[in-house]
């Protein structure tokens, strides 16, 4: 990414990012169950791959998170999209979405990293409904394999691409932008941090939409 940006090969850069997005989406929409079995450092793109698996069996000693903001990038391989989707899923039609949106934004904008697999659930990269922790590191491949077989034998059907992701548009952007300004005024963030954080907010809120709207996954990936 750095070299392509340096050489201003922006078409090439777009292609590289789209290829990675397509790869993680193939994990999500594969015709067979895909199980992630992370351990140790699972940062950035590794974390994005785990978030798109049908299920994850993580070693307890897994250090995972979307850390791209730490090097002046945003999570561009489906990670930002996925957190927007998870926020939408956590909130029913009449629930206030802003607190969950703020949590997802903070996780990305501060490059939050879980220091154990259990903490991965707290920062939103693992889901209690499908992911689990394996304390014995030498058993994670076996447990992941068993989970894949179980899903397969129970009549696995690949998911349908989503077109019902609820995003906040301008109302969410206003709240997140105000929070970003507060960080800058308090000298907790630089002008460049502000720029990157605003890009993250833009994607999580679905861009400059005049009202809360339901969008497709591909729409959010294109914003990424």
C-alpha atoms as a PDB file:
ATOM      1  CA  UNK A   1       0.000   0.000   0.000  1.00  0.00           C
ATOM      2  CA  UNK A   2       2.791   2.394   0.956  1.00  0.00           C
ATOM      3  CA  UNK A   3       4.784   1.797  -2.243  1.00  0.00           C
ATOM      4  CA  UNK A   4       1.738   2.093  -4.529  1.00  0.00           C
ATOM      5  CA  UNK A   5       0.664   5.324  -2.806  1.00  0.00           C
ATOM      6  CA  UNK A   6       4.217   6.683  -3.017  1.00  0.00           C
ATOM      7  CA  UNK A   7       4.337   5.992  -6.758  1.00  0.00           C
ATOM      8  CA  UNK A   8       0.765   7.357  -7.172  1.00  0.00           C
ATOM      9  CA  UNK A   9      -0.375   4.081  -8.751  1.00  0.00           C
ATOM     10  CA  UNK A  10      -3.918   4.674  -7.543  1.00  0.00           C
ATOM     11  CA  UNK A  11      -5.639   2.373 -10.054  1.00  0.00           C
ATOM     12  CA  UNK A  12      -3.304  -0.428  -8.987  1.00  0.00           C
ATOM     13  CA  UNK A  13      -3.954   0.398  -5.329  1.00  0.00           C
ATOM     14  CA  UNK A  14      -7.719   0.243  -5.885  1.00  0.00           C
ATOM     15  CA  UNK A  15      -7.307  -3.138  -7.539  1.00  0.00           C
ATOM     16  CA  UNK A  16      -5.221  -4.513  -4.649  1.00  0.00           C
ATOM     17  CA  UNK A  17      -7.783  -3.373  -2.066  1.00  0.00           C
ATOM     18  CA  UNK A  18     -10.717  -4.693  -4.094  1.00  0.00           C
ATOM     19  CA  UNK A  19      -8.950  -8.052  -4.481  1.00  0.00           C
ATOM     20  CA  UNK A  20      -8.579  -8.333  -0.708  1.00  0.00           C
ATOM     21  CA  UNK A  21     -12.206  -7.287  -0.164  1.00  0.00           C
ATOM     22  CA  UNK A  22     -13.347  -9.910  -2.695  1.00  0.00           C
ATOM     23  CA  UNK A  23     -11.238 -12.525  -0.889  1.00  0.00           C
ATOM     24  CA  UNK A  24     -12.792 -11.913   2.528  1.00  0.00           C
ATOM     25  CA  UNK A  25     -16.271 -11.791   0.963  1.00  0.00           C
ATOM     26  CA  UNK A  26     -15.596 -15.194  -0.609  1.00  0.00           C
ATOM     27  CA  UNK A  27     -14.866 -16.475   2.910  1.00  0.00           C
ATOM     28  CA  UNK A  28     -18.271 -15.136   4.004  1.00  0.00           C
ATOM     29  CA  UNK A  29     -20.195 -16.396   0.967  1.00  0.00           C
ATOM     30  CA  UNK A  30     -18.400 -19.665   0.272  1.00  0.00           C
ATOM     31  CA  UNK A  31     -20.487 -22.733  -0.593  1.00  0.00           C
ATOM     32  CA  UNK A  32     -18.718 -24.636   2.211  1.00  0.00           C
ATOM     33  CA  UNK A  33     -18.336 -23.619   5.880  1.00  0.00           C
ATOM     34  CA  UNK A  34     -15.170 -21.633   6.633  1.00  0.00           C
ATOM     35  CA  UNK A  35     -13.777 -21.702  10.172  1.00  0.00           C
ATOM     36  CA  UNK A  36     -11.025 -19.395  11.443  1.00  0.00           C
ATOM     37  CA  UNK A  37      -8.465 -20.681  13.958  1.00  0.00           C
ATOM     38  CA  UNK A  38      -6.351 -17.683  15.013  1.00  0.00           C
ATOM     39  CA  UNK A  39      -3.617 -17.547  17.641  1.00  0.00           C
ATOM     40  CA  UNK A  40      -0.897 -15.055  18.529  1.00  0.00           C
ATOM     41  CA  UNK A  41      -0.901 -11.775  16.601  1.00  0.00           C
ATOM     42  CA  UNK A  42      -3.991 -11.490  14.370  1.00  0.00           C
ATOM     43  CA  UNK A  43      -3.946  -7.827  13.423  1.00  0.00           C
ATOM     44  CA  UNK A  44      -5.377  -5.750  10.582  1.00  0.00           C
ATOM     45  CA  UNK A  45      -6.033  -7.966   7.561  1.00  0.00           C
ATOM     46  CA  UNK A  46      -5.828 -11.127   9.683  1.00  0.00           C
ATOM     47  CA  UNK A  47      -8.560  -9.749  11.932  1.00  0.00           C
ATOM     48  CA  UNK A  48     -10.691  -8.840   8.886  1.00  0.00           C
ATOM     49  CA  UNK A  49     -10.412 -12.416   7.597  1.00  0.00           C
ATOM     50  CA  UNK A  50     -11.527 -13.818  10.964  1.00  0.00           C
ATOM     51  CA  UNK A  51     -14.534 -11.459  11.055  1.00  0.00           C
ATOM     52  CA  UNK A  52     -15.792 -12.910   7.759  1.00  0.00           C
ATOM     53  CA  UNK A  53     -15.563 -16.618   8.661  1.00  0.00           C
ATOM     54  CA  UNK A  54     -18.707 -18.640   9.429  1.00  0.00           C
ATOM     55  CA  UNK A  55     -17.255 -19.260  12.890  1.00  0.00           C
ATOM     56  CA  UNK A  56     -13.996 -18.820  14.765  1.00  0.00           C
ATOM     57  CA  UNK A  57     -12.224 -21.107  17.233  1.00  0.00           C
ATOM     58  CA  UNK A  58      -9.624 -18.785  18.752  1.00  0.00           C
ATOM     59  CA  UNK A  59      -6.716 -19.667  20.992  1.00  0.00           C
ATOM     60  CA  UNK A  60      -7.040 -17.900  24.367  1.00  0.00           C
ATOM     61  CA  UNK A  61      -3.703 -16.191  23.606  1.00  0.00           C
ATOM     62  CA  UNK A  62      -4.953 -14.314  20.548  1.00  0.00           C
ATOM     63  CA  UNK A  63      -4.068 -10.647  20.161  1.00  0.00           C
ATOM     64  CA  UNK A  64      -6.568  -9.342  17.667  1.00  0.00           C
ATOM     65  CA  UNK A  65      -7.800  -5.969  16.417  1.00  0.00           C
ATOM     66  CA  UNK A  66      -8.208  -3.527  13.552  1.00  0.00           C
ATOM     67  CA  UNK A  67      -4.970  -1.569  13.960  1.00  0.00           C
ATOM     68  CA  UNK A  68      -4.719   0.162  10.561  1.00  0.00           C
ATOM     69  CA  UNK A  69      -5.384   3.645  11.954  1.00  0.00           C
ATOM     70  CA  UNK A  70      -2.069   3.330  13.818  1.00  0.00           C
ATOM     71  CA  UNK A  71      -0.259   3.642  10.475  1.00  0.00           C
ATOM     72  CA  UNK A  72      -2.568   6.285   8.997  1.00  0.00           C
ATOM     73  CA  UNK A  73      -4.897   3.927   7.099  1.00  0.00           C
ATOM     74  CA  UNK A  74      -8.441   2.711   7.636  1.00  0.00           C
ATOM     75  CA  UNK A  75      -9.414  -0.976   7.763  1.00  0.00           C
ATOM     76  CA  UNK A  76     -10.074  -1.360   4.024  1.00  0.00           C
ATOM     77  CA  UNK A  77     -10.489  -5.120   3.660  1.00  0.00           C
ATOM     78  CA  UNK A  78     -14.066  -5.299   4.889  1.00  0.00           C
ATOM     79  CA  UNK A  79     -13.346  -4.551   8.557  1.00  0.00           C
ATOM     80  CA  UNK A  80     -15.037  -1.150   8.706  1.00  0.00           C
ATOM     81  CA  UNK A  81     -17.986  -2.480   6.705  1.00  0.00           C
ATOM     82  CA  UNK A  82     -18.303  -5.469   9.020  1.00  0.00           C
ATOM     83  CA  UNK A  83     -18.462  -3.361  12.183  1.00  0.00           C
ATOM     84  CA  UNK A  84     -21.127  -1.151  10.553  1.00  0.00           C
ATOM     85  CA  UNK A  85     -23.085  -4.326   9.738  1.00  0.00           C
ATOM     86  CA  UNK A  86     -22.719  -5.673  13.287  1.00  0.00           C
ATOM     87  CA  UNK A  87     -23.907  -2.375  14.789  1.00  0.00           C
ATOM     88  CA  UNK A  88     -26.959  -2.546  12.519  1.00  0.00           C
ATOM     89  CA  UNK A  89     -27.662  -6.153  13.610  1.00  0.00           C
ATOM     90  CA  UNK A  90     -27.365  -5.291  17.317  1.00  0.00           C
ATOM     91  CA  UNK A  91     -30.057  -2.619  17.119  1.00  0.00           C
ATOM     92  CA  UNK A  92     -33.669  -3.257  16.193  1.00  0.00           C
ATOM     93  CA  UNK A  93     -35.648  -0.646  14.248  1.00  0.00           C
ATOM     94  CA  UNK A  94     -36.550   1.441  17.322  1.00  0.00           C
ATOM     95  CA  UNK A  95     -33.318   1.033  19.301  1.00  0.00           C
ATOM     96  CA  UNK A  96     -30.926   3.985  19.642  1.00  0.00           C
ATOM     97  CA  UNK A  97     -28.065   3.062  17.323  1.00  0.00           C
ATOM     98  CA  UNK A  98     -25.645   5.869  18.259  1.00  0.00           C
ATOM     99  CA  UNK A  99     -24.071   4.320  21.426  1.00  0.00           C
ATOM    100  CA  UNK A 100     -23.177   1.097  19.559  1.00  0.00           C
ATOM    101  CA  UNK A 101     -21.954   3.150  16.579  1.00  0.00           C
ATOM    102  CA  UNK A 102     -19.712   5.187  18.895  1.00  0.00           C
ATOM    103  CA  UNK A 103     -18.247   1.964  20.360  1.00  0.00           C
ATOM    104  CA  UNK A 104     -17.443   0.613  16.883  1.00  0.00           C
ATOM    105  CA  UNK A 105     -15.950   3.952  15.844  1.00  0.00           C
ATOM    106  CA  UNK A 106     -13.773   4.103  18.974  1.00  0.00           C
ATOM    107  CA  UNK A 107     -12.523   0.526  18.425  1.00  0.00           C
ATOM    108  CA  UNK A 108     -11.280   1.458  14.934  1.00  0.00           C
ATOM    109  CA  UNK A 109     -10.193   5.067  15.529  1.00  0.00           C
ATOM    110  CA  UNK A 110      -8.061   4.159  18.567  1.00  0.00           C
ATOM    111  CA  UNK A 111      -6.682   0.974  16.905  1.00  0.00           C
ATOM    112  CA  UNK A 112      -7.978  -1.035  19.875  1.00  0.00           C
ATOM    113  CA  UNK A 113      -6.345  -4.460  20.243  1.00  0.00           C
ATOM    114  CA  UNK A 114      -7.684  -7.313  22.350  1.00  0.00           C
ATOM    115  CA  UNK A 115      -4.979  -8.779  24.583  1.00  0.00           C
ATOM    116  CA  UNK A 116      -6.817 -12.111  24.726  1.00  0.00           C
ATOM    117  CA  UNK A 117      -9.496 -13.889  22.722  1.00  0.00           C
ATOM    118  CA  UNK A 118     -11.998 -13.140  25.512  1.00  0.00           C
ATOM    119  CA  UNK A 119     -11.373  -9.416  25.064  1.00  0.00           C
ATOM    120  CA  UNK A 120     -12.032  -9.896  21.344  1.00  0.00           C
ATOM    121  CA  UNK A 121     -15.726 -10.302  22.202  1.00  0.00           C
ATOM    122  CA  UNK A 122     -15.671  -7.016  24.146  1.00  0.00           C
ATOM    123  CA  UNK A 123     -14.264  -4.962  21.262  1.00  0.00           C
ATOM    124  CA  UNK A 124     -16.657  -6.503  18.737  1.00  0.00           C
ATOM    125  CA  UNK A 125     -14.351  -8.547  16.484  1.00  0.00           C
ATOM    126  CA  UNK A 126     -15.754 -11.854  17.799  1.00  0.00           C
ATOM    127  CA  UNK A 127     -19.459 -12.680  18.155  1.00  0.00           C
ATOM    128  CA  UNK A 128     -20.830 -14.779  21.008  1.00  0.00           C
ATOM    129  CA  UNK A 129     -23.427 -16.291  18.664  1.00  0.00           C
ATOM    130  CA  UNK A 130     -20.844 -18.059  16.475  1.00  0.00           C
ATOM    131  CA  UNK A 131     -17.294 -17.766  17.863  1.00  0.00           C
ATOM    132  CA  UNK A 132     -15.597 -19.577  20.748  1.00  0.00           C
ATOM    133  CA  UNK A 133     -12.312 -19.720  22.650  1.00  0.00           C
ATOM    134  CA  UNK A 134     -10.094 -22.779  22.982  1.00  0.00           C
ATOM    135  CA  UNK A 135      -7.752 -22.632  25.979  1.00  0.00           C
ATOM    136  CA  UNK A 136      -5.433 -25.413  24.714  1.00  0.00           C
ATOM    137  CA  UNK A 137      -3.584 -23.945  21.746  1.00  0.00           C
ATOM    138  CA  UNK A 138      -2.646 -27.396  20.367  1.00  0.00           C
ATOM    139  CA  UNK A 139      -6.356 -28.293  20.064  1.00  0.00           C
ATOM    140  CA  UNK A 140      -7.595 -25.314  18.016  1.00  0.00           C
ATOM    141  CA  UNK A 141      -7.144 -26.978  14.599  1.00  0.00           C
ATOM    142  CA  UNK A 142      -9.002 -30.073  15.816  1.00  0.00           C
ATOM    143  CA  UNK A 143     -11.815 -27.981  17.326  1.00  0.00           C
ATOM    144  CA  UNK A 144     -12.069 -25.865  14.150  1.00  0.00           C
ATOM    145  CA  UNK A 145     -12.182 -29.007  12.001  1.00  0.00           C
ATOM    146  CA  UNK A 146     -14.931 -30.495  14.179  1.00  0.00           C
ATOM    147  CA  UNK A 147     -16.920 -27.269  13.907  1.00  0.00           C
ATOM    148  CA  UNK A 148     -16.596 -27.290  10.093  1.00  0.00           C
ATOM    149  CA  UNK A 149     -17.792 -30.931   9.944  1.00  0.00           C
ATOM    150  CA  UNK A 150     -20.694 -30.151  12.306  1.00  0.00           C
ATOM    151  CA  UNK A 151     -21.856 -27.201  10.177  1.00  0.00           C
ATOM    152  CA  UNK A 152     -21.505 -29.265   7.008  1.00  0.00           C
ATOM    153  CA  UNK A 153     -23.427 -32.261   8.363  1.00  0.00           C
ATOM    154  CA  UNK A 154     -26.236 -30.012   9.636  1.00  0.00           C
ATOM    155  CA  UNK A 155     -27.098 -28.905   6.111  1.00  0.00           C
ATOM    156  CA  UNK A 156     -24.904 -25.813   5.714  1.00  0.00           C
ATOM    157  CA  UNK A 157     -26.421 -23.212   3.401  1.00  0.00           C
ATOM    158  CA  UNK A 158     -24.279 -20.259   2.376  1.00  0.00           C
ATOM    159  CA  UNK A 159     -25.568 -16.872   3.577  1.00  0.00           C
ATOM    160  CA  UNK A 160     -27.349 -14.423   1.285  1.00  0.00           C
ATOM    161  CA  UNK A 161     -25.591 -11.123   0.556  1.00  0.00           C
ATOM    162  CA  UNK A 162     -26.962  -8.409   2.786  1.00  0.00           C
ATOM    163  CA  UNK A 163     -28.926  -5.401   1.537  1.00  0.00           C
ATOM    164  CA  UNK A 164     -30.434  -4.344   4.864  1.00  0.00           C
ATOM    165  CA  UNK A 165     -27.535  -2.707   6.740  1.00  0.00           C
ATOM    166  CA  UNK A 166     -28.948   0.298   8.608  1.00  0.00           C
ATOM    167  CA  UNK A 167     -26.637   3.329   8.597  1.00  0.00           C
ATOM    168  CA  UNK A 168     -27.192   6.724  10.204  1.00  0.00           C
ATOM    169  CA  UNK A 169     -26.070   9.128   7.484  1.00  0.00           C
ATOM    170  CA  UNK A 170     -25.695  12.792   8.499  1.00  0.00           C
ATOM    171  CA  UNK A 171     -27.128  12.396  12.012  1.00  0.00           C
ATOM    172  CA  UNK A 172     -24.427   9.855  12.885  1.00  0.00           C
ATOM    173  CA  UNK A 173     -21.728  11.828  11.099  1.00  0.00           C
ATOM    174  CA  UNK A 174     -22.588  14.958  13.096  1.00  0.00           C
ATOM    175  CA  UNK A 175     -22.224  13.138  16.409  1.00  0.00           C
ATOM    176  CA  UNK A 176     -18.967  11.379  15.473  1.00  0.00           C
ATOM    177  CA  UNK A 177     -17.427  14.511  13.912  1.00  0.00           C
ATOM    178  CA  UNK A 178     -18.217  16.452  17.118  1.00  0.00           C
ATOM    179  CA  UNK A 179     -16.458  13.758  19.150  1.00  0.00           C
ATOM    180  CA  UNK A 180     -13.420  13.900  16.847  1.00  0.00           C
ATOM    181  CA  UNK A 181     -13.211  17.700  17.262  1.00  0.00           C
ATOM    182  CA  UNK A 182     -13.258  17.210  21.037  1.00  0.00           C
ATOM    183  CA  UNK A 183     -10.233  14.898  20.801  1.00  0.00           C
ATOM    184  CA  UNK A 184      -8.346  17.443  18.667  1.00  0.00           C
ATOM    185  CA  UNK A 185      -9.193  20.344  21.001  1.00  0.00           C
ATOM    186  CA  UNK A 186      -8.034  18.285  23.976  1.00  0.00           C
ATOM    187  CA  UNK A 187      -4.709  17.557  22.194  1.00  0.00           C
ATOM    188  CA  UNK A 188      -5.453  13.820  22.170  1.00  0.00           C
ATOM    189  CA  UNK A 189      -5.381  13.693  18.359  1.00  0.00           C
ATOM    190  CA  UNK A 190      -3.403  15.418  15.597  1.00  0.00           C
ATOM    191  CA  UNK A 191      -4.856  16.987  12.452  1.00  0.00           C
ATOM    192  CA  UNK A 192      -3.917  13.832  10.537  1.00  0.00           C
ATOM    193  CA  UNK A 193      -5.594  11.634  13.176  1.00  0.00           C
ATOM    194  CA  UNK A 194      -8.679  13.805  12.669  1.00  0.00           C
ATOM    195  CA  UNK A 195      -8.584  13.270   8.900  1.00  0.00           C
ATOM    196  CA  UNK A 196      -8.347   9.477   9.224  1.00  0.00           C
ATOM    197  CA  UNK A 197     -11.007   9.332  11.964  1.00  0.00           C
ATOM    198  CA  UNK A 198     -13.402  11.317   9.761  1.00  0.00           C
ATOM    199  CA  UNK A 199     -12.899   8.773   6.967  1.00  0.00           C
ATOM    200  CA  UNK A 200     -13.775   5.954   9.397  1.00  0.00           C
ATOM    201  CA  UNK A 201     -16.897   7.842  10.522  1.00  0.00           C
ATOM    202  CA  UNK A 202     -17.878   8.443   6.872  1.00  0.00           C
ATOM    203  CA  UNK A 203     -17.938   4.703   6.130  1.00  0.00           C
ATOM    204  CA  UNK A 204     -19.617   3.636   9.390  1.00  0.00           C
ATOM    205  CA  UNK A 205     -22.416   6.174   8.765  1.00  0.00           C
ATOM    206  CA  UNK A 206     -22.807   5.275   5.078  1.00  0.00           C
ATOM    207  CA  UNK A 207     -21.593   8.643   3.794  1.00  0.00           C
ATOM    208  CA  UNK A 208     -23.568  11.866   3.416  1.00  0.00           C
ATOM    209  CA  UNK A 209     -27.085  10.388   3.517  1.00  0.00           C
ATOM    210  CA  UNK A 210     -29.847  12.792   4.528  1.00  0.00           C
ATOM    211  CA  UNK A 211     -31.528  10.254   6.841  1.00  0.00           C
ATOM    212  CA  UNK A 212     -30.992   6.752   8.308  1.00  0.00           C
ATOM    213  CA  UNK A 213     -31.062   4.339   5.368  1.00  0.00           C
ATOM    214  CA  UNK A 214     -30.667   0.619   4.666  1.00  0.00           C
ATOM    215  CA  UNK A 215     -27.759  -0.073   2.308  1.00  0.00           C
ATOM    216  CA  UNK A 216     -25.975  -3.089   0.811  1.00  0.00           C
ATOM    217  CA  UNK A 217     -22.681  -4.587   1.964  1.00  0.00           C
ATOM    218  CA  UNK A 218     -21.173  -3.733  -1.423  1.00  0.00           C
ATOM    219  CA  UNK A 219     -22.134  -0.075  -0.980  1.00  0.00           C
ATOM    220  CA  UNK A 220     -20.105   0.041   2.262  1.00  0.00           C
ATOM    221  CA  UNK A 221     -17.194  -1.856   0.688  1.00  0.00           C
ATOM    222  CA  UNK A 222     -17.118   0.703  -2.144  1.00  0.00           C
ATOM    223  CA  UNK A 223     -16.955   3.506   0.430  1.00  0.00           C
ATOM    224  CA  UNK A 224     -14.016   1.694   2.080  1.00  0.00           C
END
